[in-house]
Amino acid sequence: MTAAYFDSLAAEVADGLAATGVARVGDLASAHGLGAELLLSVLGPRVAAPGGLGGARMEGGLLYTPAFLRNLKAQLRGALRAATAPVALAALMREAGVEGAAALGGGAGAGVAPALVEEILAEGGVAGSLRAGQWLPDCFAAAQRDAARRARPQPAARCLAAAR
């Protein structure tokens, strides 16, 4: 196995990735008859290089194209904005029919969705917080605080009740 072989392999992976948007490194390794560790060691530096593998991003044993991540991020933003109560991120993606939820959920790719949510939060695209895989929209937290405030008796009402 020479450097030229690995260069042609990386080009082939980049072509396949451009067609699908996301690819599991394990699947690529078995398709090419290589070990996953070997393929990771070959593709890792090429992904990290500027413009390497078409600007792909590798997380959790999966390769993603920038176009796939942009689309996923837009779908996540919409699903997060629509949520009005706390919900698990995986359930939100599944219920909203977010593209790639099956490819991302439950496996090695589950790590990219929280990272994208954090990016959306940093951009100010949604109002809420993500804690331990749970999405808590700000509108729910505000409604909870308001309900708690209304449930407490007002000081004047207590004084009036005590005077009677």
C-alpha atoms as a PDB file:
ATOM      1  CA  MET A   1       0.000   0.000   0.000  1.00  0.00           C
ATOM      2  CA  THR A   2       1.519   3.219  -1.168  1.00  0.00           C
ATOM      3  CA  ALA A   3       0.757   6.875  -0.647  1.00  0.00           C
ATOM      4  CA  ALA A   4      -0.650   6.988  -4.193  1.00  0.00           C
ATOM      5  CA  TYR A   5      -3.094   4.204  -3.279  1.00  0.00           C
ATOM      6  CA  PHE A   6      -4.268   6.117  -0.204  1.00  0.00           C
ATOM      7  CA  ASP A   7      -4.580   9.318  -2.256  1.00  0.00           C
ATOM      8  CA  SER A   8      -6.796   7.539  -4.780  1.00  0.00           C
ATOM      9  CA  LEU A   9      -8.761   5.962  -1.927  1.00  0.00           C
ATOM     10  CA  ALA A  10      -9.321   9.399  -0.358  1.00  0.00           C
ATOM     11  CA  ALA A  11     -10.483  10.753  -3.730  1.00  0.00           C
ATOM     12  CA  GLU A  12     -12.906   7.836  -4.095  1.00  0.00           C
ATOM     13  CA  VAL A  13     -14.231   8.395  -0.570  1.00  0.00           C
ATOM     14  CA  ALA A  14     -14.654  12.106  -1.308  1.00  0.00           C
ATOM     15  CA  ASP A  15     -16.668  11.302  -4.451  1.00  0.00           C
ATOM     16  CA  GLY A  16     -18.903   8.861  -2.577  1.00  0.00           C
ATOM     17  CA  LEU A  17     -19.310  11.305   0.273  1.00  0.00           C
ATOM     18  CA  ALA A  18     -20.321  14.076  -2.106  1.00  0.00           C
ATOM     19  CA  ALA A  19     -23.104  11.826  -3.396  1.00  0.00           C
ATOM     20  CA  THR A  20     -24.456  10.733   0.001  1.00  0.00           C
ATOM     21  CA  GLY A  21     -23.598  13.596   2.364  1.00  0.00           C
ATOM     22  CA  VAL A  22     -22.712  11.283   5.243  1.00  0.00           C
ATOM     23  CA  ALA A  23     -20.710   8.052   5.473  1.00  0.00           C
ATOM     24  CA  ARG A  24     -19.678   5.741   8.301  1.00  0.00           C
ATOM     25  CA  VAL A  25     -15.941   5.104   8.414  1.00  0.00           C
ATOM     26  CA  GLY A  26     -16.597   1.473   9.393  1.00  0.00           C
ATOM     27  CA  ASP A  27     -18.716   0.933   6.275  1.00  0.00           C
ATOM     28  CA  LEU A  28     -16.062   2.544   4.097  1.00  0.00           C
ATOM     29  CA  ALA A  29     -13.371   0.361   5.683  1.00  0.00           C
ATOM     30  CA  SER A  30     -15.264  -2.859   5.005  1.00  0.00           C
ATOM     31  CA  ALA A  31     -16.128  -1.755   1.468  1.00  0.00           C
ATOM     32  CA  HIS A  32     -12.408  -1.282   0.737  1.00  0.00           C
ATOM     33  CA  GLY A  33     -11.199  -4.295   2.710  1.00  0.00           C
ATOM     34  CA  LEU A  34      -9.297  -2.220   5.255  1.00  0.00           C
ATOM     35  CA  GLY A  35      -9.396  -1.930   9.011  1.00  0.00           C
ATOM     36  CA  ALA A  36     -11.336   1.003  10.438  1.00  0.00           C
ATOM     37  CA  GLU A  37      -8.275   2.181  12.388  1.00  0.00           C
ATOM     38  CA  LEU A  38      -6.156   2.180   9.252  1.00  0.00           C
ATOM     39  CA  LEU A  39      -8.781   4.105   7.310  1.00  0.00           C
ATOM     40  CA  LEU A  40      -9.146   6.609  10.147  1.00  0.00           C
ATOM     41  CA  SER A  41      -5.389   7.127  10.222  1.00  0.00           C
ATOM     42  CA  VAL A  42      -5.389   7.691   6.446  1.00  0.00           C
ATOM     43  CA  LEU A  43      -8.466   9.914   6.246  1.00  0.00           C
ATOM     44  CA  GLY A  44      -7.916  11.863   9.481  1.00  0.00           C
ATOM     45  CA  PRO A  45      -5.053  14.054   8.209  1.00  0.00           C
ATOM     46  CA  ARG A  46      -6.811  14.559   4.867  1.00  0.00           C
ATOM     47  CA  VAL A  47     -10.015  15.714   6.574  1.00  0.00           C
ATOM     48  CA  ALA A  48      -8.061  18.037   8.884  1.00  0.00           C
ATOM     49  CA  ALA A  49      -6.185  19.625   5.973  1.00  0.00           C
ATOM     50  CA  PRO A  50      -7.775  22.845   4.660  1.00  0.00           C
ATOM     51  CA  GLY A  51     -10.061  21.879   1.801  1.00  0.00           C
ATOM     52  CA  GLY A  52      -9.276  18.215   2.379  1.00  0.00           C
ATOM     53  CA  LEU A  53     -11.943  15.730   1.295  1.00  0.00           C
ATOM     54  CA  GLY A  54     -14.161  18.526   0.036  1.00  0.00           C
ATOM     55  CA  GLY A  55     -14.282  20.286   3.403  1.00  0.00           C
ATOM     56  CA  ALA A  56     -15.692  17.189   5.133  1.00  0.00           C
ATOM     57  CA  ARG A  57     -16.053  17.027   8.895  1.00  0.00           C
ATOM     58  CA  MET A  58     -15.353  13.858  10.864  1.00  0.00           C
ATOM     59  CA  GLU A  59     -17.083  13.213  14.184  1.00  0.00           C
ATOM     60  CA  GLY A  60     -17.679   9.987  15.998  1.00  0.00           C
ATOM     61  CA  GLY A  61     -16.644   7.706  13.167  1.00  0.00           C
ATOM     62  CA  LEU A  62     -18.763   9.476  10.560  1.00  0.00           C
ATOM     63  CA  LEU A  63     -17.839  11.810   7.720  1.00  0.00           C
ATOM     64  CA  TYR A  64     -20.177  14.691   6.846  1.00  0.00           C
ATOM     65  CA  THR A  65     -20.173  17.101   3.931  1.00  0.00           C
ATOM     66  CA  PRO A  66     -20.635  20.811   4.671  1.00  0.00           C
ATOM     67  CA  ALA A  67     -23.876  20.771   2.639  1.00  0.00           C
ATOM     68  CA  PHE A  68     -25.285  17.918   4.732  1.00  0.00           C
ATOM     69  CA  LEU A  69     -24.388  19.732   7.953  1.00  0.00           C
ATOM     70  CA  ARG A  70     -25.948  23.008   6.723  1.00  0.00           C
ATOM     71  CA  ASN A  71     -29.170  21.176   5.861  1.00  0.00           C
ATOM     72  CA  LEU A  72     -29.200  19.307   9.170  1.00  0.00           C
ATOM     73  CA  LYS A  73     -28.530  22.530  11.066  1.00  0.00           C
ATOM     74  CA  ALA A  74     -31.459  24.286   9.347  1.00  0.00           C
ATOM     75  CA  GLN A  75     -33.774  21.378  10.139  1.00  0.00           C
ATOM     76  CA  LEU A  76     -32.594  21.307  13.747  1.00  0.00           C
ATOM     77  CA  ARG A  77     -33.146  25.066  14.058  1.00  0.00           C
ATOM     78  CA  GLY A  78     -36.739  24.673  12.865  1.00  0.00           C
ATOM     79  CA  ALA A  79     -37.431  21.739  15.170  1.00  0.00           C
ATOM     80  CA  LEU A  80     -35.931  23.551  18.170  1.00  0.00           C
ATOM     81  CA  ARG A  81     -37.991  26.665  17.480  1.00  0.00           C
ATOM     82  CA  ALA A  82     -41.170  24.575  17.282  1.00  0.00           C
ATOM     83  CA  ALA A  83     -40.603  22.847  20.633  1.00  0.00           C
ATOM     84  CA  THR A  84     -42.619  24.377  23.470  1.00  0.00           C
ATOM     85  CA  ALA A  85     -41.769  21.868  26.203  1.00  0.00           C
ATOM     86  CA  PRO A  86     -38.616  20.023  27.293  1.00  0.00           C
ATOM     87  CA  VAL A  87     -37.773  17.137  24.996  1.00  0.00           C
ATOM     88  CA  ALA A  88     -34.888  14.770  24.375  1.00  0.00           C
ATOM     89  CA  LEU A  89     -32.913  15.898  21.342  1.00  0.00           C
ATOM     90  CA  ALA A  90     -33.038  12.427  19.772  1.00  0.00           C
ATOM     91  CA  ALA A  91     -36.837  12.294  20.179  1.00  0.00           C
ATOM     92  CA  LEU A  92     -37.203  15.812  18.773  1.00  0.00           C
ATOM     93  CA  MET A  93     -35.177  14.869  15.703  1.00  0.00           C
ATOM     94  CA  ARG A  94     -37.154  11.668  15.202  1.00  0.00           C
ATOM     95  CA  GLU A  95     -40.570  13.305  15.674  1.00  0.00           C
ATOM     96  CA  ALA A  96     -39.719  16.268  13.450  1.00  0.00           C
ATOM     97  CA  GLY A  97     -38.458  13.953  10.716  1.00  0.00           C
ATOM     98  CA  VAL A  98     -35.051  15.609  10.677  1.00  0.00           C
ATOM     99  CA  GLU A  99     -33.048  14.263   7.740  1.00  0.00           C
ATOM    100  CA  GLY A 100     -30.342  11.906   8.808  1.00  0.00           C
ATOM    101  CA  ALA A 101     -31.887  11.248  12.229  1.00  0.00           C
ATOM    102  CA  ALA A 102     -31.726   7.510  11.557  1.00  0.00           C
ATOM    103  CA  ALA A 103     -28.106   7.805  10.453  1.00  0.00           C
ATOM    104  CA  LEU A 104     -27.225   9.949  13.452  1.00  0.00           C
ATOM    105  CA  GLY A 105     -29.301   8.540  16.259  1.00  0.00           C
ATOM    106  CA  GLY A 106     -28.166   5.924  18.685  1.00  0.00           C
ATOM    107  CA  GLY A 107     -24.810   5.278  17.086  1.00  0.00           C
ATOM    108  CA  ALA A 108     -21.472   6.895  16.725  1.00  0.00           C
ATOM    109  CA  GLY A 109     -22.985   9.869  14.901  1.00  0.00           C
ATOM    110  CA  ALA A 110     -25.140  10.986  17.788  1.00  0.00           C
ATOM    111  CA  GLY A 111     -22.417  13.470  18.771  1.00  0.00           C
ATOM    112  CA  VAL A 112     -22.854  15.842  15.818  1.00  0.00           C
ATOM    113  CA  ALA A 113     -26.413  16.931  16.648  1.00  0.00           C
ATOM    114  CA  PRO A 114     -25.579  18.413  20.083  1.00  0.00           C
ATOM    115  CA  ALA A 115     -22.561  20.163  18.556  1.00  0.00           C
ATOM    116  CA  LEU A 116     -24.812  21.700  15.891  1.00  0.00           C
ATOM    117  CA  VAL A 117     -27.345  22.763  18.531  1.00  0.00           C
ATOM    118  CA  GLU A 118     -24.550  24.485  20.445  1.00  0.00           C
ATOM    119  CA  GLU A 119     -23.543  26.290  17.229  1.00  0.00           C
ATOM    120  CA  ILE A 120     -27.163  27.389  16.682  1.00  0.00           C
ATOM    121  CA  LEU A 121     -27.355  28.653  20.273  1.00  0.00           C
ATOM    122  CA  ALA A 122     -24.081  30.558  19.904  1.00  0.00           C
ATOM    123  CA  GLU A 123     -25.427  32.222  16.739  1.00  0.00           C
ATOM    124  CA  GLY A 124     -28.593  33.258  18.588  1.00  0.00           C
ATOM    125  CA  GLY A 125     -30.750  31.192  16.225  1.00  0.00           C
ATOM    126  CA  VAL A 126     -32.908  29.761  19.019  1.00  0.00           C
ATOM    127  CA  ALA A 127     -33.710  30.594  22.622  1.00  0.00           C
ATOM    128  CA  GLY A 128     -33.204  27.802  25.108  1.00  0.00           C
ATOM    129  CA  SER A 129     -30.576  25.469  26.469  1.00  0.00           C
ATOM    130  CA  LEU A 130     -29.336  21.948  25.895  1.00  0.00           C
ATOM    131  CA  ARG A 131     -28.508  19.948  29.012  1.00  0.00           C
ATOM    132  CA  ALA A 132     -27.562  16.269  28.954  1.00  0.00           C
ATOM    133  CA  GLY A 133     -29.290  15.724  25.621  1.00  0.00           C
ATOM    134  CA  GLN A 134     -32.483  17.484  26.746  1.00  0.00           C
ATOM    135  CA  TRP A 135     -33.718  20.626  24.963  1.00  0.00           C
ATOM    136  CA  LEU A 136     -35.298  23.204  27.299  1.00  0.00           C
ATOM    137  CA  PRO A 137     -36.899  26.061  25.353  1.00  0.00           C
ATOM    138  CA  ASP A 138     -36.839  29.486  27.015  1.00  0.00           C
ATOM    139  CA  CYS A 139     -40.587  29.886  26.433  1.00  0.00           C
ATOM    140  CA  PHE A 140     -41.240  26.852  28.663  1.00  0.00           C
ATOM    141  CA  ALA A 141     -38.921  28.091  31.407  1.00  0.00           C
ATOM    142  CA  ALA A 142     -40.562  31.527  31.306  1.00  0.00           C
ATOM    143  CA  ALA A 143     -44.043  29.978  31.505  1.00  0.00           C
ATOM    144  CA  GLN A 144     -42.943  27.864  34.482  1.00  0.00           C
ATOM    145  CA  ARG A 145     -41.565  30.908  36.308  1.00  0.00           C
ATOM    146  CA  ASP A 146     -44.737  32.868  35.556  1.00  0.00           C
ATOM    147  CA  ALA A 147     -46.977  30.045  36.785  1.00  0.00           C
ATOM    148  CA  ALA A 148     -44.941  29.707  39.983  1.00  0.00           C
ATOM    149  CA  ARG A 149     -45.156  33.439  40.570  1.00  0.00           C
ATOM    150  CA  ARG A 150     -48.951  33.439  40.089  1.00  0.00           C
ATOM    151  CA  ALA A 151     -49.370  30.406  42.359  1.00  0.00           C
ATOM    152  CA  ARG A 152     -47.776  32.179  45.318  1.00  0.00           C
ATOM    153  CA  PRO A 153     -50.216  34.228  47.370  1.00  0.00           C
ATOM    154  CA  GLN A 154     -49.626  37.937  47.166  1.00  0.00           C
ATOM    155  CA  PRO A 155     -48.495  39.680  50.394  1.00  0.00           C
ATOM    156  CA  ALA A 156     -51.549  41.956  50.417  1.00  0.00           C
ATOM    157  CA  ALA A 157     -53.891  38.987  50.142  1.00  0.00           C
ATOM    158  CA  ARG A 158     -52.197  37.297  53.101  1.00  0.00           C
ATOM    159  CA  CYS A 159     -52.506  40.446  55.237  1.00  0.00           C
ATOM    160  CA  LEU A 160     -56.162  40.832  54.315  1.00  0.00           C
ATOM    161  CA  ALA A 161     -56.883  37.176  55.111  1.00  0.00           C
ATOM    162  CA  ALA A 162     -55.086  37.491  58.482  1.00  0.00           C
ATOM    163  CA  ALA A 163     -57.073  40.624  59.371  1.00  0.00           C
ATOM    164  CA  ARG A 164     -60.416  38.855  58.990  1.00  0.00           C
END
